[in-house]
Amino acid sequence: QITTVDTTPFEGQKTGTSGLRKKTKVFTQPGYIENWVQSLFNSLGEDEIKGKTLVMGGDGRYYNREALQIITKMVAANGFGKLLIGQNGLLSTPAVSGIIRKRKCFGGIILTASHNPGGPEDDFGIKYNSSSGGPALESITEGIYDETLKISQYKICKDLPDVDFNVVGEVQSISELSNNEFVVEIIDSVEDYEELLRSVFDFDGIKNFVQKSNIKVLLDSLSGVMGPYAQRIASSLGLSEEALQNCEPSEQFNGGHPDPNLTYAKELCDLILTEESVIDLGIAFDGDGDRNMVLGKNIFVTPSDSVAIIAFYAQKCIPFFAQQDNNVSGLKAVARSMPTSTSLDRVAEFLNVPLYEVPTGWKFFGNIMDHYEETGGGVICGEESFGTGSDHIREKDGCWALLAWLSILAHKNQGNEEAFEFGVKDVVIDFWKQFGKSFYCRYDYEQVTSEGANNVFTELRTHLSNDSFVGSTINSKTVKYANEFEYHDKFDNSVSKNQGIRIGFTDNSRVVFRLSGTGSSGATIRMYIEQYITEEDKFSVDNEIIFQDIVDIALSLAKIEEYTGRNEPSVIT
C-alpha cells in the first residue's frame, strides 16, 4: 500500500555536476534521501514515469544497501513498472549507463560519491542518469533542486518487503492504489557491461596477446565496485588471479580513499613505478568504476596523455573506431575538458578530426556524442581528472581505458608478441617524439572555506579586468591571453559561464584555476599547470624544474596562501 508522508525541505539539496554529495550523516537523517528522490520523481513528472523501467545500483559504500531498500519502496509508490537492481546492490557507473541504453530504460539512479571515501564519518552520494545513459543535464538538476525547496510530501510503500539483492531473478509486487504492476529484477552486475565492451574491443585478439606475451598486468579496484568487473574481465582475457588487487568491494574501501591517483593508489604505484618492477601495465579504478589511472614500468601516464594516445591509435587497433568500408574514419571527433592538457589537440590536428573543448563534467560531452551517433558514432573524450571513454556509453569508463591500452600494446607488439619488447613507456615516449610533451600537474587545495576560495577568484578576476595584463611580463614570462572560460554548446545553444580562469603565456605554458564541486564539504580550489615542450632532451627533466617559474607566478597571482592560509596543496597530481 502507498503511504504519503508529510515532510519539510532540507537545506542544500542542490545537485551538482556529479549528483548530490554530502557526509553520510547528512544522508542518514530521517527523510533526507526520501526528499531528494521524491523531488527527482516530481521533476520528471508523474505521467512521464508511470509504467517505465528504472535501473539502480551503487558502488557498495556504507549505507548503500539501506538506501537501495528505501528507494525501491519509493519507486514502487511512484508508479514505475519495473526496477532493475544490480546483484548485491552493486553497479558501476559505466555499467548503469550501458544498461540504460541497451534495455531502453527511462533512467537510472546511482548511489555513489565516486572517488570520495566512504563510511559513517565520510561521504555518500546519489545521482540520476537520463534515458541517454548520461548524467542529468542542468535543466533536470535545476528542476530537482526547485522541487527540494518546496517539497511537502513523499510517497513510499512502507510494507513492501525488503528485496534480497543477492539472488539474480524477479520479485513481483502490486501497487494497489495505482493499479500498476511493479516488478523488481535483480540482474547480473557485469553481464550486460561485458557484452557491450566486447562490441567495442577485440577480446579474442587481446586474449591472444596476453597469452603469447605473458604480459604482467595488475588491476587495483581500490576496494570499490570494480572488483567483480575486474575479476570477470581478467578471467575473459586469460589473466590469472595474480593480476587482481583490492578486488573485494568494501563499505569503507578498506579504510582507503578510492581515488586512482599517485597519492591514494600508492600501493600500486610502489609496485610499478620502478625499473625493477615485474609489472608491465597497472590500472587503478575509482570507487564507482568510471575513473582510471594508467601506469607502466617506471612511468605514470597522465590522463591527458592517455586520452591523446588512445585517440591516436584507436583507428588502428580498436574495432569500434576502425576505418569503415567507404574509407571514412570510424573516429569522428575528440573532446576534452578545458583544464585537460593540449596533447589531444595536436592529435586531432594530425588526424584531421574536430576537437571540442568543454567545461569539466562528463555531461558536457553528451551532446557531442549524440550528434555523431547519428552518423555511426566514434567519439573519444577525456578529462585530466582520470576520466576517459567513448560514445559506447555516456559516462567515462575505467575498464574501457584498460582494454584500450591492452589493444595498443597488442598492436605495437604484433608479430612479435612473445618478445614483448614494446611496453607502456615505449608507447608514451614515441608519442612525445612525434607530438611533443605537455608537462602537466594539478594542485588541489581541499576543504577551503568558501570565503577564502571566493577571495582567490576575486583576486584573479582583478587581473582579467586589467587591460594591461595581457602583454605584461611576469618573471620573464609574457602573458599571451587571460580569460574566464565560457562554453557555448553548438548543439543545444546552451551557455555555461564561469567555468574556470585560464592564463596562457607566450612560451606555451598556461595555468588554469577552477572551483570544484565534487567534494562533500567546503570548497576545493584546483590549479592546473601545463608546459608544452618539443625538445627531446628535456622530456626527462623533473616536473619541479619545469614548473618552478610558472607555479611561483600562479601562486603570486592568486594569493592562495594569503586568502586560504594554505602554504601547500592537499594533493599534487
Protein backbone atom coordinates (compact mmCIF):
# COMPACT_ATOMS: atom_id res chain seq x y z
CA GLN A 1 0.00 0.00 0.00
CA ILE A 2 1.17 3.50 -0.82
CA THR A 3 1.78 5.80 2.14
CA THR A 4 2.02 9.56 1.78
CA VAL A 5 4.39 11.05 4.36
CA ASP A 6 4.43 14.74 5.29
CA THR A 7 7.87 16.33 5.15
CA THR A 8 9.64 19.68 5.05
CA PRO A 9 12.55 20.77 2.82
CA PHE A 10 16.18 20.20 3.79
CA GLU A 11 18.61 22.99 3.09
CA GLY A 12 21.33 22.48 0.48
CA GLN A 13 19.97 19.60 -1.61
CA LYS A 14 21.41 21.15 -4.76
CA THR A 15 22.51 18.59 -7.32
CA GLY A 16 25.90 19.33 -8.86
CA THR A 17 27.90 18.06 -11.82
CA SER A 18 28.08 14.57 -10.36
CA GLY A 19 24.91 14.37 -8.31
CA LEU A 20 24.27 15.20 -4.67
CA ARG A 21 27.19 14.50 -2.33
CA LYS A 22 27.19 15.05 1.40
CA LYS A 23 28.54 13.46 4.53
CA THR A 24 26.88 10.12 5.27
CA LYS A 25 25.45 11.54 8.50
CA VAL A 26 23.53 14.06 6.42
CA PHE A 27 22.03 11.37 4.18
CA THR A 28 21.01 9.18 7.13
CA GLN A 29 18.80 11.89 8.60
CA PRO A 30 15.16 10.71 8.58
CA GLY A 31 13.53 11.84 5.36
CA TYR A 32 16.68 13.24 3.74
CA ILE A 33 17.14 10.76 0.91
CA GLU A 34 13.36 10.40 0.60
CA ASN A 35 13.02 14.15 -0.04
CA TRP A 36 15.61 14.15 -2.80
CA VAL A 37 14.25 11.04 -4.52
CA GLN A 38 10.68 12.34 -4.42
CA SER A 39 11.90 15.69 -5.77
CA LEU A 40 13.54 13.80 -8.63
CA PHE A 41 10.33 11.95 -9.44
CA ASN A 42 8.25 15.15 -9.13
CA SER A 43 10.56 16.96 -11.52
CA LEU A 44 10.37 14.14 -14.07
CA GLY A 45 6.56 14.15 -13.99
CA GLU A 46 4.07 11.59 -12.72
CA ASP A 47 2.66 10.83 -16.16
CA GLU A 48 6.13 10.53 -17.69
CA ILE A 49 7.41 7.88 -15.27
CA LYS A 50 4.24 5.77 -14.97
CA GLY A 51 4.93 2.17 -16.00
CA LYS A 52 8.52 2.91 -17.04
CA THR A 53 11.68 0.92 -16.24
CA LEU A 54 14.38 2.29 -13.95
CA VAL A 55 17.82 0.80 -13.22
CA MET A 56 19.57 1.24 -9.88
CA GLY A 57 22.75 0.24 -8.10
CA GLY A 58 25.66 1.65 -6.17
CA ASP A 59 29.37 1.42 -5.51
CA GLY A 60 28.86 -0.61 -2.33
CA ARG A 61 29.87 2.06 0.13
CA TYR A 62 28.46 2.40 3.63
CA TYR A 63 24.66 2.96 3.61
CA ASN A 64 24.33 1.62 0.06
CA ARG A 65 22.00 -1.29 0.90
CA GLU A 66 19.81 0.71 3.28
CA ALA A 67 19.36 3.47 0.72
CA LEU A 68 18.52 0.95 -2.02
CA GLN A 69 15.71 -0.52 0.10
CA ILE A 70 14.22 2.92 0.78
CA ILE A 71 14.37 3.96 -2.87
CA THR A 72 12.91 0.64 -4.06
CA LYS A 73 9.82 1.28 -1.94
CA MET A 74 9.57 4.81 -3.34
CA VAL A 75 9.98 3.64 -6.94
CA ALA A 76 7.04 1.29 -6.39
CA ALA A 77 4.91 4.02 -4.82
CA ASN A 78 5.55 6.49 -7.62
CA GLY A 79 4.22 4.29 -10.40
CA PHE A 80 7.25 2.85 -12.18
CA GLY A 81 6.57 -0.52 -13.78
CA LYS A 82 9.94 -2.19 -13.33
CA LEU A 83 13.12 -1.70 -11.35
CA LEU A 84 16.41 -3.37 -12.30
CA ILE A 85 18.95 -3.64 -9.46
CA GLY A 86 22.50 -4.93 -9.72
CA GLN A 87 23.29 -8.15 -7.84
CA ASN A 88 24.42 -7.42 -4.29
CA GLY A 89 23.26 -3.86 -4.84
CA LEU A 90 26.34 -3.19 -6.99
CA LEU A 91 26.51 -1.45 -10.36
CA SER A 92 29.39 0.61 -11.67
CA THR A 93 28.55 3.98 -13.16
CA PRO A 94 29.62 2.87 -16.69
CA ALA A 95 27.52 -0.29 -16.33
CA VAL A 96 24.42 1.73 -15.42
CA SER A 97 24.89 3.89 -18.49
CA GLY A 98 25.25 0.82 -20.69
CA ILE A 99 22.21 -0.92 -19.20
CA ILE A 100 20.03 2.15 -19.67
CA ARG A 101 20.99 2.29 -23.34
CA LYS A 102 20.78 -1.44 -24.05
CA ARG A 103 17.48 -2.07 -22.26
CA LYS A 104 15.97 1.30 -23.21
CA CYS A 105 15.31 2.25 -19.59
CA PHE A 106 13.69 5.54 -18.66
CA GLY A 107 16.71 6.38 -16.49
CA GLY A 108 18.93 5.23 -13.66
CA ILE A 109 19.79 6.05 -10.06
CA ILE A 110 23.37 5.54 -8.93
CA LEU A 111 24.37 5.59 -5.27
CA THR A 112 27.95 6.80 -5.21
CA ALA A 113 30.24 9.55 -4.05
CA SER A 114 32.68 8.39 -6.72
CA HIS A 115 36.30 8.78 -5.63
CA ASN A 116 35.44 10.17 -2.18
CA PRO A 117 35.98 7.97 0.90
CA GLY A 118 33.06 6.04 2.43
CA GLY A 119 31.92 5.29 5.96
CA PRO A 120 29.77 6.71 8.78
CA GLU A 121 32.05 9.75 9.05
CA ASP A 122 32.75 10.10 5.34
CA ASP A 123 30.78 10.56 2.15
CA PHE A 124 27.67 9.34 0.40
CA GLY A 125 26.07 10.42 -2.86
CA ILE A 126 23.23 9.93 -5.30
CA LYS A 127 22.90 10.84 -8.96
CA TYR A 128 20.41 10.43 -11.76
CA ASN A 129 21.18 9.39 -15.34
CA SER A 130 18.65 10.06 -18.09
CA SER A 131 17.43 7.84 -20.93
CA SER A 132 20.54 8.63 -22.99
CA GLY A 133 22.60 6.89 -20.31
CA GLY A 134 24.35 10.13 -19.45
CA PRO A 135 24.35 12.30 -16.32
CA ALA A 136 21.33 14.53 -15.89
CA LEU A 137 21.62 17.81 -17.75
CA GLU A 138 21.46 21.12 -15.89
CA SER A 139 17.81 21.57 -16.86
CA ILE A 140 17.00 18.36 -14.95
CA THR A 141 19.23 19.03 -11.94
CA GLU A 142 17.80 22.54 -11.62
CA GLY A 143 14.31 21.05 -11.71
CA ILE A 144 15.22 18.61 -8.93
CA TYR A 145 16.59 21.44 -6.81
CA ASP A 146 13.48 23.56 -7.33
CA GLU A 147 11.38 20.64 -6.09
CA THR A 148 13.57 20.16 -3.00
CA LEU A 149 12.81 23.74 -1.97
CA LYS A 150 9.03 23.22 -1.89
CA ILE A 151 8.52 19.51 -1.17
CA SER A 152 5.83 18.80 1.41
CA GLN A 153 5.14 15.07 0.94
CA TYR A 154 6.77 11.92 -0.34
CA LYS A 155 5.26 8.59 -1.39
CA ILE A 156 6.53 5.21 -0.23
CA CYS A 157 5.31 1.61 0.02
CA LYS A 158 6.40 1.03 3.59
CA ASP A 159 5.02 -2.51 3.77
CA LEU A 160 6.81 -3.69 0.64
CA PRO A 161 9.16 -6.48 1.81
CA ASP A 162 12.88 -5.78 1.65
CA VAL A 163 14.44 -7.06 -1.53
CA ASP A 164 17.11 -9.78 -1.45
CA PHE A 165 19.81 -8.22 -3.63
CA ASN A 166 21.97 -11.33 -3.61
CA VAL A 167 19.94 -13.60 -5.88
CA VAL A 168 19.51 -12.92 -9.60
CA GLY A 169 15.86 -13.09 -10.65
CA GLU A 170 12.49 -11.35 -10.34
CA VAL A 171 10.45 -10.34 -7.30
CA GLN A 172 6.93 -9.22 -8.17
CA SER A 173 4.62 -6.92 -6.24
CA ILE A 174 1.41 -5.00 -6.89
CA SER A 175 0.93 -1.31 -6.12
CA GLU A 176 -2.76 -1.45 -5.22
CA LEU A 177 -3.66 2.23 -5.26
CA SER A 178 -2.31 2.90 -8.74
CA ASN A 179 -3.38 -0.50 -10.10
CA ASN A 180 0.10 -0.73 -11.55
CA GLU A 181 2.12 -3.92 -11.71
CA PHE A 182 5.55 -3.39 -10.21
CA VAL A 183 8.42 -5.81 -10.82
CA VAL A 184 11.87 -5.83 -9.26
CA GLU A 185 14.52 -7.76 -11.14
CA ILE A 186 17.98 -8.46 -9.73
CA ILE A 187 20.39 -8.59 -12.65
CA ASP A 188 23.95 -9.81 -13.05
CA SER A 189 26.02 -6.67 -12.42
CA VAL A 190 28.65 -7.45 -15.06
CA GLU A 191 26.96 -9.39 -17.88
CA ASP A 192 25.45 -6.55 -19.93
CA TYR A 193 28.54 -4.40 -19.45
CA GLU A 194 30.98 -7.08 -20.61
CA GLU A 195 28.80 -7.76 -23.64
CA LEU A 196 28.97 -4.07 -24.50
CA LEU A 197 32.76 -3.95 -24.17
CA ARG A 198 33.03 -6.98 -26.45
CA SER A 199 31.26 -4.94 -29.13
CA VAL A 200 33.96 -2.26 -28.83
CA PHE A 201 37.17 -4.27 -28.45
CA ASP A 202 38.70 -7.39 -29.97
CA PHE A 203 38.62 -9.61 -26.87
CA ASP A 204 40.00 -12.62 -28.74
CA GLY A 205 42.90 -10.59 -30.10
CA ILE A 206 43.70 -9.14 -26.67
CA LYS A 207 43.49 -12.58 -25.06
CA ASN A 208 45.83 -14.00 -27.69
CA PHE A 209 48.31 -11.20 -26.98
CA VAL A 210 48.06 -11.70 -23.22
CA GLN A 211 48.76 -15.41 -23.52
CA LYS A 212 51.58 -15.15 -26.06
CA SER A 213 53.37 -12.21 -24.49
CA ASN A 214 52.88 -13.28 -20.89
CA ILE A 215 52.37 -9.59 -20.10
CA LYS A 216 52.15 -8.88 -16.38
CA VAL A 217 49.04 -6.83 -15.61
CA LEU A 218 47.87 -5.60 -12.21
CA LEU A 219 44.35 -4.26 -11.73
CA ASP A 220 43.65 -2.38 -8.49
CA SER A 221 39.97 -1.76 -7.74
CA LEU A 222 40.82 0.13 -4.53
CA SER A 223 38.15 -1.99 -2.78
CA GLY A 224 35.41 -0.31 -4.82
CA VAL A 225 32.68 -1.55 -7.13
CA MET A 226 35.11 -2.56 -9.89
CA GLY A 227 36.12 -5.74 -8.05
CA PRO A 228 33.55 -8.03 -9.72
CA TYR A 229 34.11 -6.37 -13.08
CA ALA A 230 37.89 -6.69 -12.90
CA GLN A 231 37.55 -10.34 -11.91
CA ARG A 232 35.22 -11.14 -14.82
CA ILE A 233 37.19 -9.20 -17.45
CA ALA A 234 40.51 -10.62 -16.23
CA SER A 235 39.12 -14.15 -16.50
CA SER A 236 37.79 -13.48 -20.02
CA LEU A 237 41.24 -12.28 -21.10
CA GLY A 238 43.10 -15.21 -19.57
CA LEU A 239 44.69 -13.18 -16.78
CA SER A 240 45.36 -15.01 -13.53
CA GLU A 241 44.17 -14.02 -10.06
CA GLU A 242 47.63 -12.54 -9.52
CA ALA A 243 46.51 -9.74 -11.83
CA LEU A 244 43.94 -8.59 -9.25
CA GLN A 245 44.49 -6.36 -6.23
CA ASN A 246 41.92 -4.95 -3.76
CA CYS A 247 39.09 -6.50 -5.77
CA GLU A 248 36.66 -7.23 -2.95
CA PRO A 249 34.19 -4.33 -2.55
CA SER A 250 34.24 -2.83 0.93
CA GLU A 251 31.75 -0.45 2.56
CA GLN A 252 34.63 1.73 3.70
CA PHE A 253 37.04 0.84 0.89
CA ASN A 254 39.18 -0.98 3.45
CA GLY A 255 39.88 2.33 5.12
CA GLY A 256 41.32 3.76 1.92
CA HIS A 257 40.44 6.57 -0.44
CA PRO A 258 39.09 5.15 -3.74
CA ASP A 259 40.72 7.83 -5.88
CA PRO A 260 43.07 6.47 -8.58
CA ASN A 261 45.96 8.90 -8.34
CA LEU A 262 49.58 8.87 -7.23
CA THR A 263 48.63 9.71 -3.65
CA TYR A 264 45.76 7.34 -2.91
CA ALA A 265 46.81 4.42 -5.12
CA LYS A 266 50.25 4.36 -3.50
CA GLU A 267 50.26 0.57 -3.08
CA LEU A 268 50.00 0.10 -6.84
CA CYS A 269 52.47 2.90 -7.57
CA ASP A 270 55.11 1.42 -5.27
CA LEU A 271 54.91 -1.86 -7.16
CA ILE A 272 55.18 -0.38 -10.65
CA LEU A 273 56.99 2.95 -10.64
CA THR A 274 60.47 1.43 -10.56
CA GLU A 275 62.78 -0.01 -13.20
CA GLU A 276 62.91 -3.26 -11.19
CA SER A 277 59.14 -3.75 -11.40
CA VAL A 278 57.89 -7.01 -12.90
CA ILE A 279 54.53 -5.40 -13.74
CA ASP A 280 54.15 -4.18 -17.33
CA LEU A 281 50.75 -2.47 -17.06
CA GLY A 282 48.93 -1.28 -13.96
CA ILE A 283 45.44 0.18 -13.83
CA ALA A 284 43.70 1.62 -10.78
CA PHE A 285 39.93 2.26 -10.73
CA ASP A 286 37.94 4.59 -8.51
CA GLY A 287 35.02 3.78 -6.22
CA ASP A 288 32.32 3.65 -8.89
CA GLY A 289 34.47 2.47 -11.80
CA ASP A 290 34.39 5.45 -14.12
CA ARG A 291 37.89 6.82 -13.44
CA ASN A 292 41.24 5.16 -14.08
CA MET A 293 44.96 5.66 -13.63
CA VAL A 294 47.39 4.09 -16.11
CA LEU A 295 50.89 3.04 -15.08
CA GLY A 296 53.69 1.29 -16.94
CA LYS A 297 57.00 0.05 -15.69
CA ASN A 298 58.52 3.18 -14.10
CA ILE A 299 56.11 5.58 -15.82
CA PHE A 300 52.91 7.34 -14.84
CA VAL A 301 50.77 8.12 -17.87
CA THR A 302 48.98 11.40 -17.25
CA PRO A 303 45.24 11.23 -18.00
CA SER A 304 45.77 13.96 -20.60
CA ASP A 305 48.39 11.90 -22.41
CA SER A 306 46.36 8.72 -22.01
CA VAL A 307 43.32 10.00 -23.89
CA ALA A 308 45.55 11.53 -26.59
CA ILE A 309 47.47 8.30 -27.11
CA ILE A 310 44.28 6.22 -27.19
CA ALA A 311 42.82 8.58 -29.78
CA PHE A 312 45.98 8.37 -31.88
CA TYR A 313 45.92 4.55 -32.01
CA ALA A 314 42.15 3.96 -31.92
CA GLN A 315 41.61 3.52 -35.65
CA LYS A 316 44.49 1.06 -35.85
CA CYS A 317 43.57 -1.35 -33.09
CA ILE A 318 40.07 -0.80 -31.65
CA PRO A 319 37.31 -2.26 -33.89
CA PHE A 320 34.78 0.35 -32.73
CA PHE A 321 36.92 3.03 -34.37
CA ALA A 322 38.28 1.04 -37.31
CA GLN A 323 38.23 2.60 -40.75
CA GLN A 324 34.93 1.91 -42.46
CA ASP A 325 34.39 0.36 -45.90
CA ASN A 326 33.76 3.73 -47.52
CA ASN A 327 37.19 4.87 -46.34
CA VAL A 328 35.61 7.19 -43.77
CA SER A 329 37.32 7.16 -40.41
CA GLY A 330 35.50 5.46 -37.58
CA LEU A 331 36.85 8.22 -35.33
CA LYS A 332 34.57 11.19 -35.94
CA ALA A 333 35.67 13.63 -33.22
CA VAL A 334 37.59 14.04 -29.98
CA ALA A 335 36.81 16.19 -26.96
CA ARG A 336 38.44 17.22 -23.72
CA SER A 337 37.60 19.29 -20.68
CA MET A 338 39.14 22.76 -20.69
CA PRO A 339 41.72 22.12 -17.92
CA THR A 340 42.94 18.92 -19.64
CA SER A 341 46.27 19.37 -21.41
CA THR A 342 46.51 20.25 -25.09
CA SER A 343 48.03 16.88 -26.09
CA LEU A 344 44.70 15.81 -27.59
CA ASP A 345 44.56 18.99 -29.67
CA ARG A 346 47.70 18.02 -31.56
CA VAL A 347 46.38 14.51 -32.23
CA ALA A 348 43.11 15.96 -33.53
CA GLU A 349 45.02 18.23 -35.89
CA PHE A 350 47.17 15.32 -37.12
CA LEU A 351 44.15 13.06 -37.70
CA ASN A 352 42.12 15.91 -39.14
CA VAL A 353 39.15 15.36 -36.83
CA PRO A 354 37.19 18.01 -34.91
CA LEU A 355 38.25 18.85 -31.36
CA TYR A 356 35.76 20.10 -28.77
CA GLU A 357 36.79 21.89 -25.58
CA VAL A 358 34.11 21.73 -22.87
CA PRO A 359 33.76 22.56 -19.16
CA THR A 360 34.66 19.97 -16.54
CA GLY A 361 31.85 17.44 -16.17
CA TRP A 362 31.22 14.41 -18.37
CA LYS A 363 27.67 15.54 -19.11
CA PHE A 364 29.10 18.23 -21.40
CA PHE A 365 30.31 15.53 -23.79
CA GLY A 366 26.80 14.12 -24.16
CA ASN A 367 25.51 16.42 -26.90
CA ILE A 368 28.69 15.89 -28.91
CA MET A 369 28.30 12.11 -28.67
CA ASP A 370 24.61 12.26 -29.53
CA HIS A 371 25.33 14.39 -32.60
CA TYR A 372 27.91 12.00 -34.05
CA GLU A 373 25.86 8.93 -33.15
CA GLU A 374 23.54 9.93 -35.99
CA THR A 375 26.37 9.13 -38.44
CA GLY A 376 27.56 5.93 -36.78
CA GLY A 377 29.36 7.28 -33.74
CA GLY A 378 33.05 7.32 -33.00
CA VAL A 379 33.90 9.96 -30.37
CA ILE A 380 36.71 9.78 -27.79
CA CYS A 381 36.61 12.04 -24.75
CA GLY A 382 38.84 12.67 -21.78
CA GLU A 383 39.35 14.71 -18.63
CA GLU A 384 42.51 15.36 -16.67
CA SER A 385 40.66 14.09 -13.59
CA PHE A 386 41.38 10.47 -14.63
CA GLY A 387 38.37 10.09 -16.90
CA THR A 388 38.48 8.61 -20.40
CA GLY A 389 35.86 7.00 -22.57
CA SER A 390 33.90 6.98 -25.79
CA ASP A 391 30.36 7.12 -27.10
CA HIS A 392 29.66 3.43 -26.49
CA ILE A 393 28.06 4.82 -23.31
CA ARG A 394 27.54 8.31 -21.89
CA GLU A 395 29.88 8.08 -18.92
CA LYS A 396 33.62 7.85 -18.56
CA ASP A 397 34.72 4.25 -18.29
CA GLY A 398 37.68 2.86 -16.37
CA CYS A 399 37.59 -0.62 -17.90
CA TRP A 400 37.37 0.91 -21.39
CA ALA A 401 40.76 2.54 -20.73
CA LEU A 402 42.24 -0.79 -19.60
CA LEU A 403 41.11 -2.52 -22.78
CA ALA A 404 42.24 0.39 -24.94
CA TRP A 405 45.77 0.19 -23.53
CA LEU A 406 45.90 -3.58 -23.92
CA SER A 407 44.78 -3.10 -27.53
CA ILE A 408 47.56 -0.57 -28.13
CA LEU A 409 50.19 -2.87 -26.64
CA ALA A 410 48.90 -5.80 -28.71
CA HIS A 411 49.10 -3.63 -31.83
CA LYS A 412 52.62 -2.37 -31.12
CA ASN A 413 53.89 -5.91 -30.47
CA GLN A 414 52.02 -7.54 -33.34
CA GLY A 415 54.05 -10.34 -34.88
CA ASN A 416 56.50 -10.24 -32.00
CA GLU A 417 54.22 -10.93 -29.04
CA GLU A 418 56.47 -13.47 -27.34
CA ALA A 419 59.34 -11.00 -27.12
CA PHE A 420 57.03 -8.22 -25.82
CA GLU A 421 59.61 -5.52 -26.44
CA PHE A 422 57.29 -2.53 -26.73
CA GLY A 423 55.88 -1.54 -23.34
CA VAL A 424 53.84 1.35 -21.97
CA LYS A 425 56.88 3.59 -21.56
CA ASP A 426 57.93 2.97 -25.17
CA VAL A 427 54.45 3.91 -26.39
CA VAL A 428 54.48 7.15 -24.41
CA ILE A 429 58.00 8.21 -25.43
CA ASP A 430 57.24 7.50 -29.10
CA PHE A 431 54.16 9.69 -28.76
CA TRP A 432 56.20 12.54 -27.24
CA LYS A 433 58.75 12.32 -30.02
CA GLN A 434 56.04 12.80 -32.62
CA PHE A 435 53.84 15.34 -30.87
CA GLY A 436 55.97 16.93 -28.14
CA LYS A 437 55.36 16.63 -24.42
CA SER A 438 52.87 18.53 -22.31
CA PHE A 439 54.29 18.56 -18.80
CA TYR A 440 51.25 18.68 -16.60
CA CYS A 441 50.23 18.71 -12.95
CA ARG A 442 47.32 19.69 -10.72
CA TYR A 443 47.37 21.25 -7.27
CA ASP A 444 44.28 20.57 -5.15
CA TYR A 445 43.50 22.74 -2.14
CA GLU A 446 40.70 20.78 -0.47
CA GLN A 447 38.10 21.88 2.10
CA VAL A 448 38.97 25.54 1.82
CA THR A 449 36.49 27.98 3.36
CA SER A 450 34.02 29.42 0.88
CA GLU A 451 35.17 32.92 1.81
CA GLY A 452 38.80 32.08 1.15
CA ALA A 453 38.01 30.43 -2.17
CA ASN A 454 35.86 33.35 -3.30
CA ASN A 455 38.61 35.79 -2.38
CA VAL A 456 41.10 33.88 -4.53
CA PHE A 457 38.84 34.12 -7.57
CA THR A 458 38.04 37.76 -6.91
CA GLU A 459 41.78 38.43 -6.92
CA LEU A 460 42.21 36.57 -10.21
CA ARG A 461 39.34 38.47 -11.81
CA THR A 462 41.02 41.76 -10.97
CA HIS A 463 43.89 40.69 -13.25
CA LEU A 464 41.46 39.78 -16.04
CA SER A 465 39.80 43.19 -15.82
CA ASN A 466 43.16 44.97 -16.13
CA ASP A 467 43.58 45.98 -19.78
CA SER A 468 47.36 45.91 -19.48
CA PHE A 469 47.54 42.37 -18.02
CA VAL A 470 47.68 40.65 -21.42
CA GLY A 471 51.08 41.51 -22.86
CA SER A 472 52.65 42.13 -19.46
CA THR A 473 55.76 40.26 -18.36
CA ILE A 474 55.88 38.40 -15.06
CA ASN A 475 59.18 36.81 -14.02
CA SER A 476 60.34 36.63 -17.67
CA LYS A 477 57.02 35.12 -18.86
CA THR A 478 54.79 37.21 -21.13
CA VAL A 479 51.02 36.86 -20.78
CA LYS A 480 49.51 35.82 -24.13
CA TYR A 481 45.87 35.52 -23.08
CA ALA A 482 43.75 35.64 -19.94
CA ASN A 483 40.04 34.92 -19.70
CA GLU A 484 37.25 33.14 -17.86
CA PHE A 485 36.08 30.12 -19.82
CA GLU A 486 32.52 30.29 -21.11
CA TYR A 487 31.14 27.37 -23.08
CA HIS A 488 28.65 27.78 -25.90
CA ASP A 489 27.18 24.40 -26.81
CA LYS A 490 26.68 24.48 -30.57
CA PHE A 491 24.21 21.59 -30.45
CA ASP A 492 21.63 22.90 -27.98
CA ASN A 493 22.75 26.57 -27.84
CA SER A 494 23.14 26.44 -24.05
CA VAL A 495 25.74 28.65 -22.37
CA SER A 496 27.79 27.66 -19.31
CA LYS A 497 29.56 30.59 -17.67
CA ASN A 498 32.34 30.89 -15.07
CA GLN A 499 33.92 27.53 -15.92
CA GLY A 500 37.47 28.38 -14.87
CA ILE A 501 40.06 31.12 -15.22
CA ARG A 502 42.90 30.46 -17.66
CA ILE A 503 46.08 32.41 -18.21
CA GLY A 504 48.42 31.50 -21.07
CA PHE A 505 51.98 32.62 -21.78
CA THR A 506 53.95 33.04 -24.98
CA ASP A 507 56.29 30.15 -24.12
CA ASN A 508 53.46 27.57 -24.50
CA SER A 509 52.74 27.36 -20.79
CA ARG A 510 49.45 28.04 -19.08
CA VAL A 511 47.74 27.94 -15.70
CA VAL A 512 44.05 27.27 -15.02
CA PHE A 513 42.14 27.91 -11.80
CA ARG A 514 38.80 26.26 -11.08
CA LEU A 515 36.47 25.67 -8.16
CA SER A 516 35.49 22.00 -7.93
CA GLY A 517 32.07 20.75 -6.95
CA THR A 518 32.88 17.08 -6.32
CA GLY A 519 33.60 17.31 -2.59
CA SER A 520 31.01 16.79 0.14
CA SER A 521 32.01 19.78 2.28
CA GLY A 522 33.96 23.01 1.93
CA ALA A 523 35.40 24.27 -1.35
CA THR A 524 38.20 22.80 -3.43
CA ILE A 525 40.47 25.06 -5.46
CA ARG A 526 42.16 23.28 -8.34
CA MET A 527 45.20 24.83 -10.01
CA TYR A 528 46.34 23.22 -13.27
CA ILE A 529 49.81 23.79 -14.72
CA GLU A 530 50.89 22.95 -18.27
CA GLN A 531 54.16 23.49 -20.14
CA TYR A 532 54.45 22.24 -23.71
CA ILE A 533 57.97 21.29 -24.85
CA THR A 534 59.25 19.82 -28.12
CA GLU A 535 62.95 19.40 -27.28
CA GLU A 536 63.54 15.68 -26.73
CA ASP A 537 66.48 16.27 -24.41
CA LYS A 538 64.07 17.90 -21.94
CA PHE A 539 61.49 15.12 -21.84
CA SER A 540 63.15 13.52 -18.81
CA VAL A 541 63.56 16.74 -16.81
CA ASP A 542 61.78 16.65 -13.44
CA ASN A 543 58.40 18.39 -13.23
CA GLU A 544 59.63 20.53 -10.34
CA ILE A 545 62.29 22.10 -12.53
CA ILE A 546 59.94 22.58 -15.49
CA PHE A 547 57.21 24.10 -13.34
CA GLN A 548 59.23 26.18 -10.88
CA ASP A 549 58.68 29.57 -12.51
CA ILE A 550 55.07 29.13 -13.57
CA VAL A 551 53.98 27.74 -10.19
CA ASP A 552 55.56 30.74 -8.46
CA ILE A 553 53.76 33.07 -10.87
CA ALA A 554 50.43 31.30 -10.44
CA LEU A 555 50.59 31.36 -6.64
CA SER A 556 51.53 35.03 -6.61
CA LEU A 557 48.66 35.93 -8.96
CA ALA A 558 46.05 34.00 -6.94
CA LYS A 559 47.41 34.76 -3.46
CA ILE A 560 46.22 31.36 -2.31
CA GLU A 561 48.25 31.29 0.90
CA GLU A 562 47.12 34.80 1.87
CA TYR A 563 43.41 34.08 1.38
CA THR A 564 43.21 30.43 2.46
CA GLY A 565 46.05 30.04 4.93
CA ARG A 566 47.35 27.06 2.93
CA ASN A 567 51.07 27.08 2.21
CA GLU A 568 50.87 23.84 0.25
CA PRO A 569 48.19 21.87 -1.61
CA SER A 570 46.36 18.87 -0.14
CA VAL A 571 47.26 16.76 -3.17
CA ILE A 572 49.57 17.18 -6.16
CA THR A 573 48.83 15.01 -9.19
